Amino acid sequence: MRYFVLGAGYLCVALGVLGIFLPILPTTPFLLLASYLFYRSSHKAQQWLLGHKYLGSYIADFQIHKSIPLRVKIYSISMLWITILLSAFVVLDNWWLRIMLLAIATAVTIHILSFKTKKD
């Protein structure tokens, strides 16, 4: 069971990294889940994740401050809307898919903005 939980943790890390580049996938929730799964299965893996040069800050900022840095908010929301608008109006021709994508983008934007902004 320990190896299953450890494997699920690494899967969450992979999904979190993908979330950095794909605006529809959330980064922080996957990394927080990975941290929890590593806590339950491997102290070494958890320390690696928390000490990671790039990924560790996502977890630490959120766990300690329950906030998102302004630059991350701006980048996330900008990439989200650029990707969604290109998909909705360049790639798709179904009006109901466009509405669905715009609704998802709006919901994700509200979710991101609902967190406090970390002062740098």
PDB file of N, CA and C in Angstrom:
ATOM      1  N   MET A   1       0.820  -1.198   0.000  1.00  0.00           N
ATOM      2  CA  MET A   1       0.000   0.000   0.000  1.00  0.00           C
ATOM      3  C   MET A   1       0.867   1.266   0.000  1.00  0.00           C
ATOM      4  N   ARG A   2       1.992   1.194   0.707  1.00  0.00           N
ATOM      5  CA  ARG A   2       2.892   2.336   0.790  1.00  0.00           C
ATOM      6  C   ARG A   2       3.391   2.749  -0.603  1.00  0.00           C
ATOM      7  N   TYR A   3       3.706   1.763  -1.439  1.00  0.00           N
ATOM      8  CA  TYR A   3       4.205   2.064  -2.783  1.00  0.00           C
ATOM      9  C   TYR A   3       3.107   2.628  -3.683  1.00  0.00           C
ATOM     10  N   PHE A   4       1.881   2.192  -3.452  1.00  0.00           N
ATOM     11  CA  PHE A   4       0.747   2.747  -4.197  1.00  0.00           C
ATOM     12  C   PHE A   4       0.567   4.227  -3.855  1.00  0.00           C
ATOM     13  N   VAL A   5       0.625   4.554  -2.577  1.00  0.00           N
ATOM     14  CA  VAL A   5       0.474   5.943  -2.127  1.00  0.00           C
ATOM     15  C   VAL A   5       1.643   6.794  -2.634  1.00  0.00           C
ATOM     16  N   LEU A   6       2.838   6.237  -2.598  1.00  0.00           N
ATOM     17  CA  LEU A   6       4.020   6.937  -3.112  1.00  0.00           C
ATOM     18  C   LEU A   6       3.871   7.205  -4.612  1.00  0.00           C
ATOM     19  N   GLY A   7       3.417   6.191  -5.354  1.00  0.00           N
ATOM     20  CA  GLY A   7       3.190   6.359  -6.793  1.00  0.00           C
ATOM     21  C   GLY A   7       2.129   7.407  -7.080  1.00  0.00           C
ATOM     22  N   ALA A   8       1.059   7.429  -6.272  1.00  0.00           N
ATOM     23  CA  ALA A   8       0.019   8.440  -6.435  1.00  0.00           C
ATOM     24  C   ALA A   8       0.591   9.836  -6.167  1.00  0.00           C
ATOM     25  N   GLY A   9       1.519   9.929  -5.227  1.00  0.00           N
ATOM     26  CA  GLY A   9       2.170  11.212  -4.940  1.00  0.00           C
ATOM     27  C   GLY A   9       2.964  11.714  -6.134  1.00  0.00           C
ATOM     28  N   TYR A  10       3.723  10.816  -6.756  1.00  0.00           N
ATOM     29  CA  TYR A  10       4.493  11.218  -7.939  1.00  0.00           C
ATOM     30  C   TYR A  10       3.578  11.570  -9.104  1.00  0.00           C
ATOM     31  N   LEU A  11       2.444  10.874  -9.232  1.00  0.00           N
ATOM     32  CA  LEU A  11       1.468  11.213 -10.268  1.00  0.00           C
ATOM     33  C   LEU A  11       0.928  12.622 -10.025  1.00  0.00           C
ATOM     34  N   CYS A  12       0.651  12.951  -8.777  1.00  0.00           N
ATOM     35  CA  CYS A  12       0.170  14.296  -8.441  1.00  0.00           C
ATOM     36  C   CYS A  12       1.227  15.359  -8.739  1.00  0.00           C
ATOM     37  N   VAL A  13       2.490  15.040  -8.493  1.00  0.00           N
ATOM     38  CA  VAL A  13       3.560  15.980  -8.845  1.00  0.00           C
ATOM     39  C   VAL A  13       3.563  16.215 -10.351  1.00  0.00           C
ATOM     40  N   ALA A  14       3.463  15.143 -11.126  1.00  0.00           N
ATOM     41  CA  ALA A  14       3.446  15.266 -12.588  1.00  0.00           C
ATOM     42  C   ALA A  14       2.258  16.112 -13.050  1.00  0.00           C
ATOM     43  N   LEU A  15       1.084  15.875 -12.474  1.00  0.00           N
ATOM     44  CA  LEU A  15      -0.093  16.664 -12.843  1.00  0.00           C
ATOM     45  C   LEU A  15       0.070  18.121 -12.421  1.00  0.00           C
ATOM     46  N   GLY A  16       0.696  18.352 -11.276  1.00  0.00           N
ATOM     47  CA  GLY A  16       0.955  19.716 -10.831  1.00  0.00           C
ATOM     48  C   GLY A  16       1.901  20.454 -11.760  1.00  0.00           C
ATOM     49  N   VAL A  17       2.929  19.757 -12.228  1.00  0.00           N
ATOM     50  CA  VAL A  17       3.873  20.373 -13.178  1.00  0.00           C
ATOM     51  C   VAL A  17       3.155  20.668 -14.493  1.00  0.00           C
ATOM     52  N   LEU A  18       2.326  19.744 -14.952  1.00  0.00           N
ATOM     53  CA  LEU A  18       1.540  20.004 -16.164  1.00  0.00           C
ATOM     54  C   LEU A  18       0.634  21.219 -15.970  1.00  0.00           C
ATOM     55  N   GLY A  19       0.120  21.375 -14.748  1.00  0.00           N
ATOM     56  CA  GLY A  19      -0.745  22.509 -14.447  1.00  0.00           C
ATOM     57  C   GLY A  19      -0.057  23.853 -14.565  1.00  0.00           C
ATOM     58  N   ILE A  20       1.251  23.869 -14.475  1.00  0.00           N
ATOM     59  CA  ILE A  20       1.997  25.118 -14.666  1.00  0.00           C
ATOM     60  C   ILE A  20       1.834  25.590 -16.107  1.00  0.00           C
ATOM     61  N   PHE A  21       1.766  24.634 -17.032  1.00  0.00           N
ATOM     62  CA  PHE A  21       1.711  24.963 -18.454  1.00  0.00           C
ATOM     63  C   PHE A  21       0.316  24.877 -19.048  1.00  0.00           C
ATOM     64  N   LEU A  22      -0.563  24.094 -18.441  1.00  0.00           N
ATOM     65  CA  LEU A  22      -1.933  23.947 -18.929  1.00  0.00           C
ATOM     66  C   LEU A  22      -2.880  24.633 -17.949  1.00  0.00           C
ATOM     67  N   PRO A  23      -3.456  25.748 -18.337  1.00  0.00           N
ATOM     68  CA  PRO A  23      -4.237  26.536 -17.393  1.00  0.00           C
ATOM     69  C   PRO A  23      -5.485  25.833 -16.847  1.00  0.00           C
ATOM     70  N   ILE A  24      -5.945  24.799 -17.487  1.00  0.00           N
ATOM     71  CA  ILE A  24      -7.150  24.130 -17.011  1.00  0.00           C
ATOM     72  C   ILE A  24      -6.838  23.180 -15.846  1.00  0.00           C
ATOM     73  N   LEU A  25      -5.569  22.812 -15.691  1.00  0.00           N
ATOM     74  CA  LEU A  25      -5.151  21.949 -14.576  1.00  0.00           C
ATOM     75  C   LEU A  25      -4.607  22.815 -13.439  1.00  0.00           C
ATOM     76  N   PRO A  26      -5.086  22.596 -12.231  1.00  0.00           N
ATOM     77  CA  PRO A  26      -4.570  23.387 -11.114  1.00  0.00           C
ATOM     78  C   PRO A  26      -3.217  22.862 -10.635  1.00  0.00           C
ATOM     79  N   THR A  27      -2.302  23.736 -10.334  1.00  0.00           N
ATOM     80  CA  THR A  27      -0.974  23.331  -9.879  1.00  0.00           C
ATOM     81  C   THR A  27      -0.950  23.086  -8.373  1.00  0.00           C
ATOM     82  N   THR A  28      -1.326  24.089  -7.613  1.00  0.00           N
ATOM     83  CA  THR A  28      -1.186  24.016  -6.154  1.00  0.00           C
ATOM     84  C   THR A  28      -1.954  22.860  -5.519  1.00  0.00           C
ATOM     85  N   PRO A  29      -3.221  22.615  -5.885  1.00  0.00           N
ATOM     86  CA  PRO A  29      -3.919  21.483  -5.247  1.00  0.00           C
ATOM     87  C   PRO A  29      -3.230  20.135  -5.479  1.00  0.00           C
ATOM     88  N   PHE A  30      -2.710  19.917  -6.680  1.00  0.00           N
ATOM     89  CA  PHE A  30      -2.009  18.660  -6.947  1.00  0.00           C
ATOM     90  C   PHE A  30      -0.728  18.561  -6.130  1.00  0.00           C
ATOM     91  N   LEU A  31      -0.011  19.672  -6.001  1.00  0.00           N
ATOM     92  CA  LEU A  31       1.222  19.642  -5.217  1.00  0.00           C
ATOM     93  C   LEU A  31       0.932  19.481  -3.728  1.00  0.00           C
ATOM     94  N   LEU A  32      -0.146  20.087  -3.242  1.00  0.00           N
ATOM     95  CA  LEU A  32      -0.534  19.894  -1.845  1.00  0.00           C
ATOM     96  C   LEU A  32      -0.920  18.444  -1.583  1.00  0.00           C
ATOM     97  N   LEU A  33      -1.660  17.848  -2.523  1.00  0.00           N
ATOM     98  CA  LEU A  33      -2.029  16.438  -2.383  1.00  0.00           C
ATOM     99  C   LEU A  33      -0.788  15.555  -2.437  1.00  0.00           C
ATOM    100  N   ALA A  34       0.147  15.873  -3.319  1.00  0.00           N
ATOM    101  CA  ALA A  34       1.398  15.108  -3.394  1.00  0.00           C
ATOM    102  C   ALA A  34       2.159  15.197  -2.079  1.00  0.00           C
ATOM    103  N   SER A  35       2.203  16.373  -1.490  1.00  0.00           N
ATOM    104  CA  SER A  35       2.887  16.543  -0.209  1.00  0.00           C
ATOM    105  C   SER A  35       2.240  15.672   0.867  1.00  0.00           C
ATOM    106  N   TYR A  36       0.920  15.647   0.899  1.00  0.00           N
ATOM    107  CA  TYR A  36       0.209  14.813   1.868  1.00  0.00           C
ATOM    108  C   TYR A  36       0.489  13.329   1.619  1.00  0.00           C
ATOM    109  N   LEU A  37       0.430  12.916   0.355  1.00  0.00           N
ATOM    110  CA  LEU A  37       0.679  11.507   0.030  1.00  0.00           C
ATOM    111  C   LEU A  37       2.115  11.113   0.365  1.00  0.00           C
ATOM    112  N   PHE A  38       3.052  12.007   0.118  1.00  0.00           N
ATOM    113  CA  PHE A  38       4.442  11.725   0.480  1.00  0.00           C
ATOM    114  C   PHE A  38       4.597  11.662   1.998  1.00  0.00           C
ATOM    115  N   TYR A  39       3.879  12.519   2.713  1.00  0.00           N
ATOM    116  CA  TYR A  39       3.898  12.487   4.179  1.00  0.00           C
ATOM    117  C   TYR A  39       3.454  11.118   4.689  1.00  0.00           C
ATOM    118  N   ARG A  40       2.467  10.530   4.019  1.00  0.00           N
ATOM    119  CA  ARG A  40       1.937   9.235   4.425  1.00  0.00           C
ATOM    120  C   ARG A  40       2.815   8.062   3.972  1.00  0.00           C
ATOM    121  N   SER A  41       3.696   8.287   2.979  1.00  0.00           N
ATOM    122  CA  SER A  41       4.425   7.145   2.425  1.00  0.00           C
ATOM    123  C   SER A  41       5.947   7.255   2.486  1.00  0.00           C
ATOM    124  N   SER A  42       6.494   8.458   2.339  1.00  0.00           N
ATOM    125  CA  SER A  42       7.947   8.583   2.248  1.00  0.00           C
ATOM    126  C   SER A  42       8.406   9.964   2.716  1.00  0.00           C
ATOM    127  N   HIS A  43       9.044   9.996   3.869  1.00  0.00           N
ATOM    128  CA  HIS A  43       9.572  11.256   4.401  1.00  0.00           C
ATOM    129  C   HIS A  43      10.599  11.855   3.433  1.00  0.00           C
ATOM    130  N   LYS A  44      11.390  10.993   2.821  1.00  0.00           N
ATOM    131  CA  LYS A  44      12.414  11.450   1.881  1.00  0.00           C
ATOM    132  C   LYS A  44      11.782  12.145   0.673  1.00  0.00           C
ATOM    133  N   ALA A  45      10.716  11.576   0.130  1.00  0.00           N
ATOM    134  CA  ALA A  45      10.040  12.180  -1.017  1.00  0.00           C
ATOM    135  C   ALA A  45       9.389  13.506  -0.624  1.00  0.00           C
ATOM    136  N   GLN A  46       8.832  13.570   0.578  1.00  0.00           N
ATOM    137  CA  GLN A  46       8.204  14.805   1.024  1.00  0.00           C
ATOM    138  C   GLN A  46       9.249  15.912   1.180  1.00  0.00           C
ATOM    139  N   GLN A  47      10.390  15.579   1.762  1.00  0.00           N
ATOM    140  CA  GLN A  47      11.448  16.564   1.918  1.00  0.00           C
ATOM    141  C   GLN A  47      11.972  17.034   0.560  1.00  0.00           C
ATOM    142  N   TRP A  48      12.041  16.108  -0.400  1.00  0.00           N
ATOM    143  CA  TRP A  48      12.471  16.480  -1.755  1.00  0.00           C
ATOM    144  C   TRP A  48      11.497  17.497  -2.341  1.00  0.00           C
ATOM    145  N   LEU A  49      10.190  17.221  -2.208  1.00  0.00           N
ATOM    146  CA  LEU A  49       9.177  18.107  -2.782  1.00  0.00           C
ATOM    147  C   LEU A  49       9.181  19.470  -2.092  1.00  0.00           C
ATOM    148  N   LEU A  50       9.208  19.479  -0.774  1.00  0.00           N
ATOM    149  CA  LEU A  50       9.195  20.749  -0.044  1.00  0.00           C
ATOM    150  C   LEU A  50      10.459  21.565  -0.284  1.00  0.00           C
ATOM    151  N   GLY A  51      11.578  20.885  -0.526  1.00  0.00           N
ATOM    152  CA  GLY A  51      12.837  21.577  -0.759  1.00  0.00           C
ATOM    153  C   GLY A  51      13.132  21.851  -2.223  1.00  0.00           C
ATOM    154  N   HIS A  52      12.220  21.449  -3.113  1.00  0.00           N
ATOM    155  CA  HIS A  52      12.436  21.639  -4.549  1.00  0.00           C
ATOM    156  C   HIS A  52      12.527  23.134  -4.870  1.00  0.00           C
ATOM    157  N   LYS A  53      13.469  23.476  -5.735  1.00  0.00           N
ATOM    158  CA  LYS A  53      13.750  24.877  -6.067  1.00  0.00           C
ATOM    159  C   LYS A  53      12.512  25.611  -6.589  1.00  0.00           C
ATOM    160  N   TYR A  54      11.714  24.974  -7.425  1.00  0.00           N
ATOM    161  CA  TYR A  54      10.559  25.627  -8.025  1.00  0.00           C
ATOM    162  C   TYR A  54       9.234  25.194  -7.392  1.00  0.00           C
ATOM    163  N   LEU A  55       9.065  23.912  -7.175  1.00  0.00           N
ATOM    164  CA  LEU A  55       7.790  23.393  -6.694  1.00  0.00           C
ATOM    165  C   LEU A  55       7.567  23.640  -5.207  1.00  0.00           C
ATOM    166  N   GLY A  56       8.627  23.660  -4.432  1.00  0.00           N
ATOM    167  CA  GLY A  56       8.501  23.829  -2.987  1.00  0.00           C
ATOM    168  C   GLY A  56       7.843  25.140  -2.597  1.00  0.00           C
ATOM    169  N   SER A  57       8.087  26.200  -3.379  1.00  0.00           N
ATOM    170  CA  SER A  57       7.520  27.505  -3.038  1.00  0.00           C
ATOM    171  C   SER A  57       6.001  27.516  -3.193  1.00  0.00           C
ATOM    172  N   TYR A  58       5.470  26.776  -4.170  1.00  0.00           N
ATOM    173  CA  TYR A  58       4.014  26.700  -4.328  1.00  0.00           C
ATOM    174  C   TYR A  58       3.376  26.166  -3.045  1.00  0.00           C
ATOM    175  N   ILE A  59       3.971  25.107  -2.514  1.00  0.00           N
ATOM    176  CA  ILE A  59       3.428  24.447  -1.332  1.00  0.00           C
ATOM    177  C   ILE A  59       3.624  25.305  -0.095  1.00  0.00           C
ATOM    178  N   ALA A  60       4.834  25.800   0.108  1.00  0.00           N
ATOM    179  CA  ALA A  60       5.141  26.585   1.304  1.00  0.00           C
ATOM    180  C   ALA A  60       4.289  27.849   1.367  1.00  0.00           C
ATOM    181  N   ASP A  61       4.198  28.573   0.256  1.00  0.00           N
ATOM    182  CA  ASP A  61       3.394  29.797   0.243  1.00  0.00           C
ATOM    183  C   ASP A  61       1.955  29.499   0.630  1.00  0.00           C
ATOM    184  N   PHE A  62       1.423  28.457   0.057  1.00  0.00           N
ATOM    185  CA  PHE A  62       0.021  28.169   0.311  1.00  0.00           C
ATOM    186  C   PHE A  62      -0.206  27.611   1.710  1.00  0.00           C
ATOM    187  N   GLN A  63       0.662  26.716   2.163  1.00  0.00           N
ATOM    188  CA  GLN A  63       0.477  26.124   3.492  1.00  0.00           C
ATOM    189  C   GLN A  63       0.680  27.146   4.609  1.00  0.00           C
ATOM    190  N   ILE A  64       1.642  28.002   4.452  1.00  0.00           N
ATOM    191  CA  ILE A  64       1.964  28.965   5.504  1.00  0.00           C
ATOM    192  C   ILE A  64       1.044  30.185   5.458  1.00  0.00           C
ATOM    193  N   HIS A  65       0.897  30.764   4.272  1.00  0.00           N
ATOM    194  CA  HIS A  65       0.201  32.045   4.158  1.00  0.00           C
ATOM    195  C   HIS A  65      -1.229  31.935   3.632  1.00  0.00           C
ATOM    196  N   LYS A  66      -1.599  30.792   3.104  1.00  0.00           N
ATOM    197  CA  LYS A  66      -2.916  30.624   2.460  1.00  0.00           C
ATOM    198  C   LYS A  66      -3.136  31.740   1.436  1.00  0.00           C
ATOM    199  N   SER A  67      -2.065  32.027   0.681  1.00  0.00           N
ATOM    200  CA  SER A  67      -2.130  33.117  -0.286  1.00  0.00           C
ATOM    201  C   SER A  67      -1.348  32.740  -1.542  1.00  0.00           C
ATOM    202  N   ILE A  68      -1.570  33.533  -2.582  1.00  0.00           N
ATOM    203  CA  ILE A  68      -0.895  33.332  -3.863  1.00  0.00           C
ATOM    204  C   ILE A  68      -0.198  34.644  -4.208  1.00  0.00           C
ATOM    205  N   PRO A  69       1.087  34.585  -4.600  1.00  0.00           N
ATOM    206  CA  PRO A  69       1.783  35.827  -4.984  1.00  0.00           C
ATOM    207  C   PRO A  69       1.099  36.509  -6.172  1.00  0.00           C
ATOM    208  N   LEU A  70       1.146  37.835  -6.201  1.00  0.00           N
ATOM    209  CA  LEU A  70       0.493  38.608  -7.256  1.00  0.00           C
ATOM    210  C   LEU A  70       0.978  38.197  -8.639  1.00  0.00           C
ATOM    211  N   ARG A  71       2.282  38.004  -8.810  1.00  0.00           N
ATOM    212  CA  ARG A  71       2.801  37.638 -10.131  1.00  0.00           C
ATOM    213  C   ARG A  71       2.268  36.288 -10.586  1.00  0.00           C
ATOM    214  N   VAL A  72       2.061  35.368  -9.655  1.00  0.00           N
ATOM    215  CA  VAL A  72       1.506  34.052 -10.002  1.00  0.00           C
ATOM    216  C   VAL A  72       0.035  34.189 -10.383  1.00  0.00           C
ATOM    217  N   LYS A  73      -0.697  35.031  -9.663  1.00  0.00           N
ATOM    218  CA  LYS A  73      -2.092  35.270 -10.015  1.00  0.00           C
ATOM    219  C   LYS A  73      -2.204  35.859 -11.422  1.00  0.00           C
ATOM    220  N   ILE A  74      -1.402  36.868 -11.695  1.00  0.00           N
ATOM    221  CA  ILE A  74      -1.445  37.530 -13.000  1.00  0.00           C
ATOM    222  C   ILE A  74      -1.081  36.547 -14.104  1.00  0.00           C
ATOM    223  N   TYR A  75      -0.010  35.797 -13.910  1.00  0.00           N
ATOM    224  CA  TYR A  75       0.428  34.827 -14.916  1.00  0.00           C
ATOM    225  C   TYR A  75      -0.635  33.752 -15.135  1.00  0.00           C
ATOM    226  N   SER A  76      -1.173  33.211 -14.049  1.00  0.00           N
ATOM    227  CA  SER A  76      -2.155  32.136 -14.145  1.00  0.00           C
ATOM    228  C   SER A  76      -3.413  32.585 -14.867  1.00  0.00           C
ATOM    229  N   ILE A  77      -3.942  33.725 -14.466  1.00  0.00           N
ATOM    230  CA  ILE A  77      -5.175  34.212 -15.079  1.00  0.00           C
ATOM    231  C   ILE A  77      -4.939  34.617 -16.536  1.00  0.00           C
ATOM    232  N   SER A  78      -3.801  35.224 -16.815  1.00  0.00           N
ATOM    233  CA  SER A  78      -3.482  35.604 -18.197  1.00  0.00           C
ATOM    234  C   SER A  78      -3.373  34.378 -19.100  1.00  0.00           C
ATOM    235  N   MET A  79      -2.631  33.386 -18.669  1.00  0.00           N
ATOM    236  CA  MET A  79      -2.472  32.172 -19.472  1.00  0.00           C
ATOM    237  C   MET A  79      -3.805  31.436 -19.630  1.00  0.00           C
ATOM    238  N   LEU A  80      -4.584  31.416 -18.574  1.00  0.00           N
ATOM    239  CA  LEU A  80      -5.899  30.784 -18.627  1.00  0.00           C
ATOM    240  C   LEU A  80      -6.749  31.421 -19.720  1.00  0.00           C
ATOM    241  N   TRP A  81      -6.870  32.735 -19.695  1.00  0.00           N
ATOM    242  CA  TRP A  81      -7.745  33.410 -20.647  1.00  0.00           C
ATOM    243  C   TRP A  81      -7.198  33.388 -22.074  1.00  0.00           C
ATOM    244  N   ILE A  82      -5.900  33.496 -22.233  1.00  0.00           N
ATOM    245  CA  ILE A  82      -5.317  33.396 -23.585  1.00  0.00           C
ATOM    246  C   ILE A  82      -5.630  32.033 -24.185  1.00  0.00           C
ATOM    247  N   THR A  83      -5.397  30.984 -23.414  1.00  0.00           N
ATOM    248  CA  THR A  83      -5.635  29.620 -23.893  1.00  0.00           C
ATOM    249  C   THR A  83      -7.110  29.367 -24.160  1.00  0.00           C
ATOM    250  N   ILE A  84      -7.956  29.777 -23.235  1.00  0.00           N
ATOM    251  CA  ILE A  84      -9.391  29.544 -23.396  1.00  0.00           C
ATOM    252  C   ILE A  84      -9.944  30.322 -24.587  1.00  0.00           C
ATOM    253  N   LEU A  85      -9.578  31.581 -24.720  1.00  0.00           N
ATOM    254  CA  LEU A  85     -10.091  32.382 -25.830  1.00  0.00           C
ATOM    255  C   LEU A  85      -9.608  31.856 -27.181  1.00  0.00           C
ATOM    256  N   LEU A  86      -8.349  31.457 -27.258  1.00  0.00           N
ATOM    257  CA  LEU A  86      -7.863  30.855 -28.502  1.00  0.00           C
ATOM    258  C   LEU A  86      -8.616  29.565 -28.817  1.00  0.00           C
ATOM    259  N   SER A  87      -8.806  28.746 -27.822  1.00  0.00           N
ATOM    260  CA  SER A  87      -9.533  27.493 -28.025  1.00  0.00           C
ATOM    261  C   SER A  87     -10.978  27.757 -28.441  1.00  0.00           C
ATOM    262  N   ALA A  88     -11.613  28.677 -27.753  1.00  0.00           N
ATOM    263  CA  ALA A  88     -13.035  28.922 -27.990  1.00  0.00           C
ATOM    264  C   ALA A  88     -13.313  29.568 -29.346  1.00  0.00           C
ATOM    265  N   PHE A  89     -12.459  30.483 -29.777  1.00  0.00           N
ATOM    266  CA  PHE A  89     -12.794  31.248 -30.969  1.00  0.00           C
ATOM    267  C   PHE A  89     -11.928  30.954 -32.189  1.00  0.00           C
ATOM    268  N   VAL A  90     -10.864  30.190 -32.028  1.00  0.00           N
ATOM    269  CA  VAL A  90     -10.046  29.812 -33.180  1.00  0.00           C
ATOM    270  C   VAL A  90     -10.219  28.337 -33.510  1.00  0.00           C
ATOM    271  N   VAL A  91     -10.267  27.513 -32.489  1.00  0.00           N
ATOM    272  CA  VAL A  91     -10.309  26.064 -32.699  1.00  0.00           C
ATOM    273  C   VAL A  91     -11.742  25.537 -32.802  1.00  0.00           C
ATOM    274  N   LEU A  92     -12.606  25.996 -31.934  1.00  0.00           N
ATOM    275  CA  LEU A  92     -13.966  25.449 -31.851  1.00  0.00           C
ATOM    276  C   LEU A  92     -14.956  26.252 -32.677  1.00  0.00           C
ATOM    277  N   ASP A  93     -15.998  25.544 -33.132  1.00  0.00           N
ATOM    278  CA  ASP A  93     -17.058  26.249 -33.837  1.00  0.00           C
ATOM    279  C   ASP A  93     -18.439  25.968 -33.238  1.00  0.00           C
ATOM    280  N   ASN A  94     -18.484  25.190 -32.172  1.00  0.00           N
ATOM    281  CA  ASN A  94     -19.749  24.927 -31.470  1.00  0.00           C
ATOM    282  C   ASN A  94     -19.962  25.994 -30.409  1.00  0.00           C
ATOM    283  N   TRP A  95     -21.103  26.667 -30.460  1.00  0.00           N
ATOM    284  CA  TRP A  95     -21.379  27.743 -29.513  1.00  0.00           C
ATOM    285  C   TRP A  95     -21.482  27.235 -28.081  1.00  0.00           C
ATOM    286  N   TRP A  96     -22.023  26.028 -27.880  1.00  0.00           N
ATOM    287  CA  TRP A  96     -22.181  25.511 -26.517  1.00  0.00           C
ATOM    288  C   TRP A  96     -20.830  25.144 -25.905  1.00  0.00           C
ATOM    289  N   LEU A  97     -19.866  24.697 -26.715  1.00  0.00           N
ATOM    290  CA  LEU A  97     -18.518  24.438 -26.193  1.00  0.00           C
ATOM    291  C   LEU A  97     -17.821  25.744 -25.815  1.00  0.00           C
ATOM    292  N   ARG A  98     -18.058  26.771 -26.613  1.00  0.00           N
ATOM    293  CA  ARG A  98     -17.490  28.085 -26.293  1.00  0.00           C
ATOM    294  C   ARG A  98     -18.022  28.593 -24.957  1.00  0.00           C
ATOM    295  N   ILE A  99     -19.326  28.473 -24.776  1.00  0.00           N
ATOM    296  CA  ILE A  99     -19.938  28.914 -23.520  1.00  0.00           C
ATOM    297  C   ILE A  99     -19.392  28.112 -22.343  1.00  0.00           C
ATOM    298  N   MET A 100     -19.242  26.794 -22.535  1.00  0.00           N
ATOM    299  CA  MET A 100     -18.714  25.947 -21.467  1.00  0.00           C
ATOM    300  C   MET A 100     -17.279  26.350 -21.096  1.00  0.00           C
ATOM    301  N   LEU A 101     -16.433  26.580 -22.101  1.00  0.00           N
ATOM    302  CA  LEU A 101     -15.054  27.000 -21.832  1.00  0.00           C
ATOM    303  C   LEU A 101     -15.008  28.351 -21.122  1.00  0.00           C
ATOM    304  N   LEU A 102     -15.823  29.281 -21.564  1.00  0.00           N
ATOM    305  CA  LEU A 102     -15.851  30.596 -20.925  1.00  0.00           C
ATOM    306  C   LEU A 102     -16.352  30.497 -19.484  1.00  0.00           C
ATOM    307  N   ALA A 103     -17.315  29.622 -19.239  1.00  0.00           N
ATOM    308  CA  ALA A 103     -17.811  29.419 -17.871  1.00  0.00           C
ATOM    309  C   ALA A 103     -16.724  28.813 -16.984  1.00  0.00           C
ATOM    310  N   ILE A 104     -15.992  27.837 -17.519  1.00  0.00           N
ATOM    311  CA  ILE A 104     -14.897  27.226 -16.757  1.00  0.00           C
ATOM    312  C   ILE A 104     -13.824  28.264 -16.444  1.00  0.00           C
ATOM    313  N   ALA A 105     -13.455  29.060 -17.444  1.00  0.00           N
ATOM    314  CA  ALA A 105     -12.435  30.089 -17.237  1.00  0.00           C
ATOM    315  C   ALA A 105     -12.883  31.109 -16.192  1.00  0.00           C
ATOM    316  N   THR A 106     -14.150  31.471 -16.227  1.00  0.00           N
ATOM    317  CA  THR A 106     -14.681  32.412 -15.242  1.00  0.00           C
ATOM    318  C   THR A 106     -14.624  31.814 -13.840  1.00  0.00           C
ATOM    319  N   ALA A 107     -15.024  30.553 -13.710  1.00  0.00           N
ATOM    320  CA  ALA A 107     -15.002  29.888 -12.402  1.00  0.00           C
ATOM    321  C   ALA A 107     -13.580  29.765 -11.860  1.00  0.00           C
ATOM    322  N   VAL A 108     -12.634  29.410 -12.718  1.00  0.00           N
ATOM    323  CA  VAL A 108     -11.238  29.276 -12.284  1.00  0.00           C
ATOM    324  C   VAL A 108     -10.677  30.643 -11.895  1.00  0.00           C
ATOM    325  N   THR A 109     -11.017  31.670 -12.640  1.00  0.00           N
ATOM    326  CA  THR A 109     -10.571  33.023 -12.310  1.00  0.00           C
ATOM    327  C   THR A 109     -11.109  33.455 -10.939  1.00  0.00           C
ATOM    328  N   ILE A 110     -12.380  33.219 -10.697  1.00  0.00           N
ATOM    329  CA  ILE A 110     -12.969  33.557  -9.397  1.00  0.00           C
ATOM    330  C   ILE A 110     -12.276  32.777  -8.284  1.00  0.00           C
ATOM    331  N   HIS A 111     -11.998  31.505  -8.549  1.00  0.00           N
ATOM    332  CA  HIS A 111     -11.325  30.684  -7.539  1.00  0.00           C
ATOM    333  C   HIS A 111      -9.932  31.230  -7.215  1.00  0.00           C
ATOM    334  N   ILE A 112      -9.172  31.570  -8.235  1.00  0.00           N
ATOM    335  CA  ILE A 112      -7.825  32.104  -8.016  1.00  0.00           C
ATOM    336  C   ILE A 112      -7.897  33.434  -7.255  1.00  0.00           C
ATOM    337  N   LEU A 113      -8.817  34.296  -7.655  1.00  0.00           N
ATOM    338  CA  LEU A 113      -8.932  35.600  -7.013  1.00  0.00           C
ATOM    339  C   LEU A 113      -9.497  35.518  -5.592  1.00  0.00           C
ATOM    340  N   SER A 114     -10.094  34.382  -5.242  1.00  0.00           N
ATOM    341  CA  SER A 114     -10.662  34.237  -3.894  1.00  0.00           C
ATOM    342  C   SER A 114      -9.586  34.083  -2.818  1.00  0.00           C
ATOM    343  N   PHE A 115      -8.374  33.753  -3.211  1.00  0.00           N
ATOM    344  CA  PHE A 115      -7.285  33.626  -2.251  1.00  0.00           C
ATOM    345  C   PHE A 115      -6.622  34.971  -2.023  1.00  0.00           C
ATOM    346  N   LYS A 116      -6.102  35.169  -0.821  1.00  0.00           N
ATOM    347  CA  LYS A 116      -5.388  36.398  -0.515  1.00  0.00           C
ATOM    348  C   LYS A 116      -4.185  36.518  -1.435  1.00  0.00           C
ATOM    349  N   THR A 117      -3.771  37.760  -1.668  1.00  0.00           N
ATOM    350  CA  THR A 117      -2.581  38.024  -2.462  1.00  0.00           C
ATOM    351  C   THR A 117      -1.411  38.172  -1.519  1.00  0.00           C
ATOM    352  N   LYS A 118      -0.383  37.376  -1.758  1.00  0.00           N
ATOM    353  CA  LYS A 118       0.817  37.427  -0.904  1.00  0.00           C
ATOM    354  C   LYS A 118       1.615  38.676  -1.232  1.00  0.00           C
ATOM    355  N   LYS A 119       1.970  39.398  -0.211  1.00  0.00           N
ATOM    356  CA  LYS A 119       2.813  40.575  -0.370  1.00  0.00           C
ATOM    357  C   LYS A 119       4.270  40.122  -0.427  1.00  0.00           C
ATOM    358  N   ASP A 120       4.960  40.515  -1.488  1.00  0.00           N
ATOM    359  CA  ASP A 120       6.377  40.116  -1.623  1.00  0.00           C
ATOM    360  C   ASP A 120       7.298  41.002  -0.856  1.00  0.00           C
TER     361      ASP A 120
END
